PDB file of N, CA and C in Angstrom:
ATOM      1  N   MET A   1      -9.499  19.411  -8.162  1.00  0.00           N
ATOM      2  CA  MET A   1      -9.462  18.120  -7.523  1.00  0.00           C
ATOM      3  C   MET A   1      -8.220  17.375  -8.006  1.00  0.00           C
ATOM      4  N   ALA A   2      -7.580  16.657  -7.098  1.00  0.00           N
ATOM      5  CA  ALA A   2      -6.381  15.878  -7.424  1.00  0.00           C
ATOM      6  C   ALA A   2      -6.589  14.423  -7.021  1.00  0.00           C
ATOM      7  N   ILE A   3      -6.170  13.542  -7.900  1.00  0.00           N
ATOM      8  CA  ILE A   3      -6.241  12.104  -7.645  1.00  0.00           C
ATOM      9  C   ILE A   3      -4.821  11.566  -7.657  1.00  0.00           C
ATOM     10  N   GLY A   4      -4.456  10.855  -6.602  1.00  0.00           N
ATOM     11  CA  GLY A   4      -3.119  10.283  -6.511  1.00  0.00           C
ATOM     12  C   GLY A   4      -3.176   8.774  -6.388  1.00  0.00           C
ATOM     13  N   VAL A   5      -2.210   8.112  -7.017  1.00  0.00           N
ATOM     14  CA  VAL A   5      -2.123   6.652  -6.977  1.00  0.00           C
ATOM     15  C   VAL A   5      -0.713   6.278  -6.545  1.00  0.00           C
ATOM     16  N   LEU A   6      -0.627   5.348  -5.610  1.00  0.00           N
ATOM     17  CA  LEU A   6       0.664   4.848  -5.141  1.00  0.00           C
ATOM     18  C   LEU A   6       0.608   3.326  -5.155  1.00  0.00           C
ATOM     19  N   VAL A   7       1.575   2.720  -5.838  1.00  0.00           N
ATOM     20  CA  VAL A   7       1.633   1.265  -5.968  1.00  0.00           C
ATOM     21  C   VAL A   7       2.919   0.774  -5.309  1.00  0.00           C
ATOM     22  N   TRP A   8       2.766  -0.212  -4.430  1.00  0.00           N
ATOM     23  CA  TRP A   8       3.927  -0.830  -3.777  1.00  0.00           C
ATOM     24  C   TRP A   8       4.070  -2.264  -4.270  1.00  0.00           C
ATOM     25  N   ASP A   9       5.285  -2.646  -4.637  1.00  0.00           N
ATOM     26  CA  ASP A   9       5.625  -4.041  -4.892  1.00  0.00           C
ATOM     27  C   ASP A   9       6.310  -4.514  -3.618  1.00  0.00           C
ATOM     28  N   LEU A  10       5.696  -5.461  -2.917  1.00  0.00           N
ATOM     29  CA  LEU A  10       6.146  -5.829  -1.585  1.00  0.00           C
ATOM     30  C   LEU A  10       6.615  -7.279  -1.496  1.00  0.00           C
ATOM     31  N   GLU A  11       7.590  -7.496  -0.625  1.00  0.00           N
ATOM     32  CA  GLU A  11       7.949  -8.838  -0.189  1.00  0.00           C
ATOM     33  C   GLU A  11       7.349  -8.993   1.203  1.00  0.00           C
ATOM     34  N   VAL A  12       6.594 -10.052   1.408  1.00  0.00           N
ATOM     35  CA  VAL A  12       6.000 -10.324   2.719  1.00  0.00           C
ATOM     36  C   VAL A  12       6.988 -11.203   3.472  1.00  0.00           C
ATOM     37  N   ILE A  13       7.630 -10.625   4.465  1.00  0.00           N
ATOM     38  CA  ILE A  13       8.708 -11.295   5.193  1.00  0.00           C
ATOM     39  C   ILE A  13       8.130 -12.359   6.130  1.00  0.00           C
ATOM     40  N   GLY A  14       8.672 -13.557   6.027  1.00  0.00           N
ATOM     41  CA  GLY A  14       8.277 -14.632   6.926  1.00  0.00           C
ATOM     42  C   GLY A  14       6.989 -15.351   6.564  1.00  0.00           C
ATOM     43  N   ALA A  15       6.353 -14.990   5.470  1.00  0.00           N
ATOM     44  CA  ALA A  15       5.125 -15.680   5.061  1.00  0.00           C
ATOM     45  C   ALA A  15       5.475 -17.075   4.573  1.00  0.00           C
ATOM     46  N   ARG A  16       4.763 -18.066   5.092  1.00  0.00           N
ATOM     47  CA  ARG A  16       5.009 -19.455   4.691  1.00  0.00           C
ATOM     48  C   ARG A  16       3.824 -20.075   3.973  1.00  0.00           C
ATOM     49  N   SER A  17       2.771 -19.264   3.804  1.00  0.00           N
ATOM     50  CA  SER A  17       1.582 -19.742   3.096  1.00  0.00           C
ATOM     51  C   SER A  17       0.780 -18.530   2.625  1.00  0.00           C
ATOM     52  N   LEU A  18      -0.196 -18.780   1.760  1.00  0.00           N
ATOM     53  CA  LEU A  18      -1.083 -17.698   1.336  1.00  0.00           C
ATOM     54  C   LEU A  18      -1.871 -17.141   2.515  1.00  0.00           C
ATOM     55  N   LYS A  19      -2.194 -17.996   3.469  1.00  0.00           N
ATOM     56  CA  LYS A  19      -2.921 -17.547   4.660  1.00  0.00           C
ATOM     57  C   LYS A  19      -2.078 -16.550   5.464  1.00  0.00           C
ATOM     58  N   ASP A  20      -0.798 -16.815   5.626  1.00  0.00           N
ATOM     59  CA  ASP A  20       0.098 -15.880   6.312  1.00  0.00           C
ATOM     60  C   ASP A  20       0.150 -14.546   5.571  1.00  0.00           C
ATOM     61  N   LYS A  21       0.344 -14.642   4.264  1.00  0.00           N
ATOM     62  CA  LYS A  21       0.436 -13.429   3.449  1.00  0.00           C
ATOM     63  C   LYS A  21      -0.843 -12.621   3.531  1.00  0.00           C
ATOM     64  N   ARG A  22      -1.972 -13.256   3.372  1.00  0.00           N
ATOM     65  CA  ARG A  22      -3.252 -12.533   3.375  1.00  0.00           C
ATOM     66  C   ARG A  22      -3.525 -11.873   4.719  1.00  0.00           C
ATOM     67  N   SER A  23      -3.081 -12.500   5.798  1.00  0.00           N
ATOM     68  CA  SER A  23      -3.239 -11.910   7.121  1.00  0.00           C
ATOM     69  C   SER A  23      -2.461 -10.586   7.218  1.00  0.00           C
ATOM     70  N   VAL A  24      -1.222 -10.594   6.742  1.00  0.00           N
ATOM     71  CA  VAL A  24      -0.388  -9.389   6.779  1.00  0.00           C
ATOM     72  C   VAL A  24      -0.963  -8.318   5.862  1.00  0.00           C
ATOM     73  N   ILE A  25      -1.318  -8.700   4.643  1.00  0.00           N
ATOM     74  CA  ILE A  25      -1.806  -7.734   3.661  1.00  0.00           C
ATOM     75  C   ILE A  25      -3.147  -7.145   4.093  1.00  0.00           C
ATOM     76  N   LYS A  26      -4.037  -7.960   4.622  1.00  0.00           N
ATOM     77  CA  LYS A  26      -5.329  -7.442   5.085  1.00  0.00           C
ATOM     78  C   LYS A  26      -5.130  -6.444   6.217  1.00  0.00           C
ATOM     79  N   SER A  27      -4.258  -6.769   7.159  1.00  0.00           N
ATOM     80  CA  SER A  27      -3.974  -5.864   8.266  1.00  0.00           C
ATOM     81  C   SER A  27      -3.402  -4.544   7.756  1.00  0.00           C
ATOM     82  N   LEU A  28      -2.438  -4.617   6.859  1.00  0.00           N
ATOM     83  CA  LEU A  28      -1.821  -3.415   6.309  1.00  0.00           C
ATOM     84  C   LEU A  28      -2.831  -2.583   5.523  1.00  0.00           C
ATOM     85  N   ARG A  29      -3.622  -3.252   4.715  1.00  0.00           N
ATOM     86  CA  ARG A  29      -4.649  -2.579   3.918  1.00  0.00           C
ATOM     87  C   ARG A  29      -5.656  -1.852   4.817  1.00  0.00           C
ATOM     88  N   ASP A  30      -6.131  -2.536   5.858  1.00  0.00           N
ATOM     89  CA  ASP A  30      -7.106  -1.933   6.770  1.00  0.00           C
ATOM     90  C   ASP A  30      -6.507  -0.755   7.532  1.00  0.00           C
ATOM     91  N   ARG A  31      -5.266  -0.885   7.980  1.00  0.00           N
ATOM     92  CA  ARG A  31      -4.621   0.197   8.726  1.00  0.00           C
ATOM     93  C   ARG A  31      -4.369   1.410   7.847  1.00  0.00           C
ATOM     94  N   LEU A  32      -3.988   1.197   6.591  1.00  0.00           N
ATOM     95  CA  LEU A  32      -3.814   2.314   5.657  1.00  0.00           C
ATOM     96  C   LEU A  32      -5.133   3.058   5.446  1.00  0.00           C
ATOM     97  N   HIS A  33      -6.199   2.296   5.256  1.00  0.00           N
ATOM     98  CA  HIS A  33      -7.511   2.908   5.036  1.00  0.00           C
ATOM     99  C   HIS A  33      -7.956   3.723   6.258  1.00  0.00           C
ATOM    100  N   GLU A  34      -7.818   3.133   7.434  1.00  0.00           N
ATOM    101  CA  GLU A  34      -8.240   3.817   8.661  1.00  0.00           C
ATOM    102  C   GLU A  34      -7.422   5.068   8.946  1.00  0.00           C
ATOM    103  N   ARG A  35      -6.114   4.969   8.805  1.00  0.00           N
ATOM    104  CA  ARG A  35      -5.244   6.082   9.181  1.00  0.00           C
ATOM    105  C   ARG A  35      -5.220   7.211   8.159  1.00  0.00           C
ATOM    106  N   PHE A  36      -5.232   6.876   6.865  1.00  0.00           N
ATOM    107  CA  PHE A  36      -5.038   7.888   5.827  1.00  0.00           C
ATOM    108  C   PHE A  36      -6.268   8.134   4.950  1.00  0.00           C
ATOM    109  N   GLN A  37      -7.347   7.401   5.186  1.00  0.00           N
ATOM    110  CA  GLN A  37      -8.570   7.556   4.406  1.00  0.00           C
ATOM    111  C   GLN A  37      -8.312   7.407   2.901  1.00  0.00           C
ATOM    112  N   VAL A  38      -7.564   6.372   2.541  1.00  0.00           N
ATOM    113  CA  VAL A  38      -7.286   6.054   1.148  1.00  0.00           C
ATOM    114  C   VAL A  38      -7.955   4.732   0.801  1.00  0.00           C
ATOM    115  N   ALA A  39      -8.267   4.561  -0.460  1.00  0.00           N
ATOM    116  CA  ALA A  39      -8.764   3.273  -0.936  1.00  0.00           C
ATOM    117  C   ALA A  39      -7.546   2.406  -1.238  1.00  0.00           C
ATOM    118  N   VAL A  40      -7.559   1.161  -0.770  1.00  0.00           N
ATOM    119  CA  VAL A  40      -6.407   0.270  -0.947  1.00  0.00           C
ATOM    120  C   VAL A  40      -6.892  -1.088  -1.439  1.00  0.00           C
ATOM    121  N   ALA A  41      -6.169  -1.645  -2.415  1.00  0.00           N
ATOM    122  CA  ALA A  41      -6.507  -2.970  -2.934  1.00  0.00           C
ATOM    123  C   ALA A  41      -5.225  -3.737  -3.241  1.00  0.00           C
ATOM    124  N   GLU A  42      -5.297  -5.051  -3.102  1.00  0.00           N
ATOM    125  CA  GLU A  42      -4.211  -5.912  -3.550  1.00  0.00           C
ATOM    126  C   GLU A  42      -4.433  -6.125  -5.037  1.00  0.00           C
ATOM    127  N   THR A  43      -3.460  -5.718  -5.855  1.00  0.00           N
ATOM    128  CA  THR A  43      -3.682  -5.677  -7.294  1.00  0.00           C
ATOM    129  C   THR A  43      -2.855  -6.660  -8.122  1.00  0.00           C
ATOM    130  N   ASP A  44      -1.892  -7.346  -7.513  1.00  0.00           N
ATOM    131  CA  ASP A  44      -1.103  -8.310  -8.279  1.00  0.00           C
ATOM    132  C   ASP A  44      -0.446  -9.306  -7.322  1.00  0.00           C
ATOM    133  N   HIS A  45       0.115 -10.356  -7.875  1.00  0.00           N
ATOM    134  CA  HIS A  45       0.792 -11.421  -7.128  1.00  0.00           C
ATOM    135  C   HIS A  45      -0.173 -12.112  -6.155  1.00  0.00           C
ATOM    136  N   LEU A  46      -1.401 -12.292  -6.567  1.00  0.00           N
ATOM    137  CA  LEU A  46      -2.433 -12.836  -5.678  1.00  0.00           C
ATOM    138  C   LEU A  46      -2.148 -14.276  -5.251  1.00  0.00           C
ATOM    139  N   ASP A  47      -1.467 -15.045  -6.081  1.00  0.00           N
ATOM    140  CA  ASP A  47      -1.220 -16.452  -5.762  1.00  0.00           C
ATOM    141  C   ASP A  47       0.203 -16.736  -5.277  1.00  0.00           C
ATOM    142  N   LEU A  48       0.989 -15.690  -5.090  1.00  0.00           N
ATOM    143  CA  LEU A  48       2.342 -15.871  -4.562  1.00  0.00           C
ATOM    144  C   LEU A  48       2.330 -15.570  -3.077  1.00  0.00           C
ATOM    145  N   TRP A  49       2.934 -16.413  -2.265  1.00  0.00           N
ATOM    146  CA  TRP A  49       2.811 -16.237  -0.832  1.00  0.00           C
ATOM    147  C   TRP A  49       3.871 -15.339  -0.206  1.00  0.00           C
ATOM    148  N   GLN A  50       4.880 -14.923  -0.958  1.00  0.00           N
ATOM    149  CA  GLN A  50       5.879 -13.998  -0.413  1.00  0.00           C
ATOM    150  C   GLN A  50       5.909 -12.657  -1.132  1.00  0.00           C
ATOM    151  N   ARG A  51       5.012 -12.454  -2.083  1.00  0.00           N
ATOM    152  CA  ARG A  51       4.968 -11.202  -2.838  1.00  0.00           C
ATOM    153  C   ARG A  51       3.555 -10.650  -2.830  1.00  0.00           C
ATOM    154  N   ALA A  52       3.462  -9.324  -2.905  1.00  0.00           N
ATOM    155  CA  ALA A  52       2.160  -8.666  -2.994  1.00  0.00           C
ATOM    156  C   ALA A  52       2.347  -7.327  -3.677  1.00  0.00           C
ATOM    157  N   GLU A  53       1.312  -6.906  -4.369  1.00  0.00           N
ATOM    158  CA  GLU A  53       1.275  -5.558  -4.905  1.00  0.00           C
ATOM    159  C   GLU A  53       0.046  -4.884  -4.314  1.00  0.00           C
ATOM    160  N   LEU A  54       0.269  -3.773  -3.619  1.00  0.00           N
ATOM    161  CA  LEU A  54      -0.828  -2.988  -3.058  1.00  0.00           C
ATOM    162  C   LEU A  54      -0.897  -1.671  -3.802  1.00  0.00           C
ATOM    163  N   THR A  55      -2.121  -1.233  -4.075  1.00  0.00           N
ATOM    164  CA  THR A  55      -2.341   0.049  -4.722  1.00  0.00           C
ATOM    165  C   THR A  55      -3.248   0.889  -3.843  1.00  0.00           C
ATOM    166  N   ALA A  56      -2.818   2.121  -3.572  1.00  0.00           N
ATOM    167  CA  ALA A  56      -3.607   3.064  -2.777  1.00  0.00           C
ATOM    168  C   ALA A  56      -3.990   4.244  -3.658  1.00  0.00           C
ATOM    169  N   CYS A  57      -5.193   4.751  -3.447  1.00  0.00           N
ATOM    170  CA  CYS A  57      -5.687   5.898  -4.202  1.00  0.00           C
ATOM    171  C   CYS A  57      -6.213   6.937  -3.225  1.00  0.00           C
ATOM    172  N   ALA A  58      -5.790   8.178  -3.411  1.00  0.00           N
ATOM    173  CA  ALA A  58      -6.238   9.285  -2.562  1.00  0.00           C
ATOM    174  C   ALA A  58      -6.811  10.385  -3.441  1.00  0.00           C
ATOM    175  N   VAL A  59      -7.848  11.044  -2.938  1.00  0.00           N
ATOM    176  CA  VAL A  59      -8.484  12.152  -3.651  1.00  0.00           C
ATOM    177  C   VAL A  59      -8.648  13.306  -2.679  1.00  0.00           C
ATOM    178  N   SER A  60      -8.285  14.505  -3.128  1.00  0.00           N
ATOM    179  CA  SER A  60      -8.512  15.694  -2.310  1.00  0.00           C
ATOM    180  C   SER A  60      -8.676  16.903  -3.224  1.00  0.00           C
ATOM    181  N   ALA A  61      -8.980  18.019  -2.622  1.00  0.00           N
ATOM    182  CA  ALA A  61      -9.218  19.238  -3.394  1.00  0.00           C
ATOM    183  C   ALA A  61      -7.922  19.805  -3.977  1.00  0.00           C
ATOM    184  N   ALA A  62      -6.800  19.565  -3.305  1.00  0.00           N
ATOM    185  CA  ALA A  62      -5.534  20.140  -3.750  1.00  0.00           C
ATOM    186  C   ALA A  62      -4.489  19.055  -3.987  1.00  0.00           C
ATOM    187  N   ARG A  63      -3.680  19.258  -5.011  1.00  0.00           N
ATOM    188  CA  ARG A  63      -2.628  18.297  -5.345  1.00  0.00           C
ATOM    189  C   ARG A  63      -1.623  18.151  -4.202  1.00  0.00           C
ATOM    190  N   VAL A  64      -1.291  19.255  -3.545  1.00  0.00           N
ATOM    191  CA  VAL A  64      -0.331  19.221  -2.441  1.00  0.00           C
ATOM    192  C   VAL A  64      -0.826  18.296  -1.327  1.00  0.00           C
ATOM    193  N   GLN A  65      -2.104  18.372  -1.012  1.00  0.00           N
ATOM    194  CA  GLN A  65      -2.669  17.523   0.038  1.00  0.00           C
ATOM    195  C   GLN A  65      -2.642  16.054  -0.374  1.00  0.00           C
ATOM    196  N   THR A  66      -2.973  15.766  -1.608  1.00  0.00           N
ATOM    197  CA  THR A  66      -2.951  14.393  -2.104  1.00  0.00           C
ATOM    198  C   THR A  66      -1.542  13.815  -2.029  1.00  0.00           C
ATOM    199  N   GLU A  67      -0.564  14.589  -2.477  1.00  0.00           N
ATOM    200  CA  GLU A  67       0.822  14.129  -2.428  1.00  0.00           C
ATOM    201  C   GLU A  67       1.289  13.916  -0.986  1.00  0.00           C
ATOM    202  N   LYS A  68       0.856  14.776  -0.080  1.00  0.00           N
ATOM    203  CA  LYS A  68       1.220  14.653   1.334  1.00  0.00           C
ATOM    204  C   LYS A  68       0.653  13.360   1.933  1.00  0.00           C
ATOM    205  N   VAL A  69      -0.606  13.057   1.624  1.00  0.00           N
ATOM    206  CA  VAL A  69      -1.228  11.828   2.122  1.00  0.00           C
ATOM    207  C   VAL A  69      -0.483  10.602   1.599  1.00  0.00           C
ATOM    208  N   LEU A  70      -0.166  10.605   0.315  1.00  0.00           N
ATOM    209  CA  LEU A  70       0.549   9.455  -0.262  1.00  0.00           C
ATOM    210  C   LEU A  70       1.955   9.318   0.317  1.00  0.00           C
ATOM    211  N   GLN A  71       2.631  10.432   0.579  1.00  0.00           N
ATOM    212  CA  GLN A  71       3.962  10.384   1.184  1.00  0.00           C
ATOM    213  C   GLN A  71       3.905   9.767   2.577  1.00  0.00           C
ATOM    214  N   HIS A  72       2.916  10.176   3.377  1.00  0.00           N
ATOM    215  CA  HIS A  72       2.768   9.617   4.723  1.00  0.00           C
ATOM    216  C   HIS A  72       2.407   8.127   4.666  1.00  0.00           C
ATOM    217  N   ALA A  73       1.574   7.754   3.712  1.00  0.00           N
ATOM    218  CA  ALA A  73       1.215   6.340   3.553  1.00  0.00           C
ATOM    219  C   ALA A  73       2.450   5.525   3.159  1.00  0.00           C
ATOM    220  N   ASP A  74       3.290   6.078   2.289  1.00  0.00           N
ATOM    221  CA  ASP A  74       4.508   5.393   1.872  1.00  0.00           C
ATOM    222  C   ASP A  74       5.458   5.201   3.063  1.00  0.00           C
ATOM    223  N   GLU A  75       5.602   6.210   3.887  1.00  0.00           N
ATOM    224  CA  GLU A  75       6.444   6.109   5.078  1.00  0.00           C
ATOM    225  C   GLU A  75       5.884   5.072   6.054  1.00  0.00           C
ATOM    226  N   PHE A  76       4.565   5.006   6.160  1.00  0.00           N
ATOM    227  CA  PHE A  76       3.898   4.044   7.041  1.00  0.00           C
ATOM    228  C   PHE A  76       4.206   2.608   6.600  1.00  0.00           C
ATOM    229  N   VAL A  77       4.089   2.349   5.296  1.00  0.00           N
ATOM    230  CA  VAL A  77       4.371   1.005   4.770  1.00  0.00           C
ATOM    231  C   VAL A  77       5.857   0.677   4.933  1.00  0.00           C
ATOM    232  N   ALA A  78       6.727   1.645   4.682  1.00  0.00           N
ATOM    233  CA  ALA A  78       8.166   1.410   4.813  1.00  0.00           C
ATOM    234  C   ALA A  78       8.553   1.061   6.245  1.00  0.00           C
ATOM    235  N   ALA A  79       7.809   1.561   7.211  1.00  0.00           N
ATOM    236  CA  ALA A  79       8.120   1.306   8.623  1.00  0.00           C
ATOM    237  C   ALA A  79       7.561  -0.021   9.133  1.00  0.00           C
ATOM    238  N   ASP A  80       6.724  -0.681   8.361  1.00  0.00           N
ATOM    239  CA  ASP A  80       6.119  -1.941   8.800  1.00  0.00           C
ATOM    240  C   ASP A  80       7.156  -3.065   8.678  1.00  0.00           C
ATOM    241  N   PRO A  81       7.500  -3.712   9.798  1.00  0.00           N
ATOM    242  CA  PRO A  81       8.546  -4.744   9.747  1.00  0.00           C
ATOM    243  C   PRO A  81       8.115  -6.044   9.070  1.00  0.00           C
ATOM    244  N   ARG A  82       6.830  -6.188   8.752  1.00  0.00           N
ATOM    245  CA  ARG A  82       6.345  -7.428   8.144  1.00  0.00           C
ATOM    246  C   ARG A  82       6.519  -7.458   6.637  1.00  0.00           C
ATOM    247  N   VAL A  83       6.836  -6.287   6.048  1.00  0.00           N
ATOM    248  CA  VAL A  83       6.989  -6.204   4.593  1.00  0.00           C
ATOM    249  C   VAL A  83       8.241  -5.412   4.241  1.00  0.00           C
ATOM    250  N   ARG A  84       8.739  -5.676   3.022  1.00  0.00           N
ATOM    251  CA  ARG A  84       9.867  -4.911   2.481  1.00  0.00           C
ATOM    252  C   ARG A  84       9.437  -4.385   1.123  1.00  0.00           C
ATOM    253  N   ILE A  85       9.619  -3.096   0.913  1.00  0.00           N
ATOM    254  CA  ILE A  85       9.253  -2.483  -0.365  1.00  0.00           C
ATOM    255  C   ILE A  85      10.332  -2.802  -1.399  1.00  0.00           C
ATOM    256  N   MET A  86       9.915  -3.453  -2.486  1.00  0.00           N
ATOM    257  CA  MET A  86      10.843  -3.804  -3.558  1.00  0.00           C
ATOM    258  C   MET A  86      10.793  -2.778  -4.681  1.00  0.00           C
ATOM    259  N   GLY A  87       9.696  -2.037  -4.748  1.00  0.00           N
ATOM    260  CA  GLY A  87       9.554  -1.004  -5.770  1.00  0.00           C
ATOM    261  C   GLY A  87       8.278  -0.230  -5.535  1.00  0.00           C
ATOM    262  N   THR A  88       8.236   0.997  -6.051  1.00  0.00           N
ATOM    263  CA  THR A  88       7.026   1.826  -5.941  1.00  0.00           C
ATOM    264  C   THR A  88       6.794   2.569  -7.244  1.00  0.00           C
ATOM    265  N   TYR A  89       5.546   2.950  -7.422  1.00  0.00           N
ATOM    266  CA  TYR A  89       5.155   3.813  -8.542  1.00  0.00           C
ATOM    267  C   TYR A  89       4.174   4.814  -7.971  1.00  0.00           C
ATOM    268  N   ARG A  90       4.362   6.092  -8.273  1.00  0.00           N
ATOM    269  CA  ARG A  90       3.480   7.138  -7.754  1.00  0.00           C
ATOM    270  C   ARG A  90       3.095   8.073  -8.887  1.00  0.00           C
ATOM    271  N   ALA A  91       1.830   8.451  -8.928  1.00  0.00           N
ATOM    272  CA  ALA A  91       1.334   9.415  -9.912  1.00  0.00           C
ATOM    273  C   ALA A  91       0.256  10.261  -9.271  1.00  0.00           C
ATOM    274  N   CYS A  92       0.203  11.513  -9.664  1.00  0.00           N
ATOM    275  CA  CYS A  92      -0.817  12.429  -9.161  1.00  0.00           C
ATOM    276  C   CYS A  92      -1.370  13.212 -10.344  1.00  0.00           C
ATOM    277  N   TYR A  93      -2.683  13.223 -10.467  1.00  0.00           N
ATOM    278  CA  TYR A  93      -3.337  13.880 -11.591  1.00  0.00           C
ATOM    279  C   TYR A  93      -4.254  14.978 -11.104  1.00  0.00           C
TER     280      TYR A  93
END
């Protein structure tokens, strides 16, 4: 069994309030979960309206599959025009 963790440090583009930010982050979180079957949580910068940290966790029988899911999730977030990735951290165990 392999467990993978991917953390994104994000800038929420155009957010002018916490309500704007939470709308974008909730949408992104829900879409990641639906499309890639990963657990996703907002893990830092909760009170900043232009920053967010999202953490995704994937589990599968093989490390290759876990890494593939996280790679596709990373590409998905990078393609979202509402956010800009400022940094990432990835680990697979």
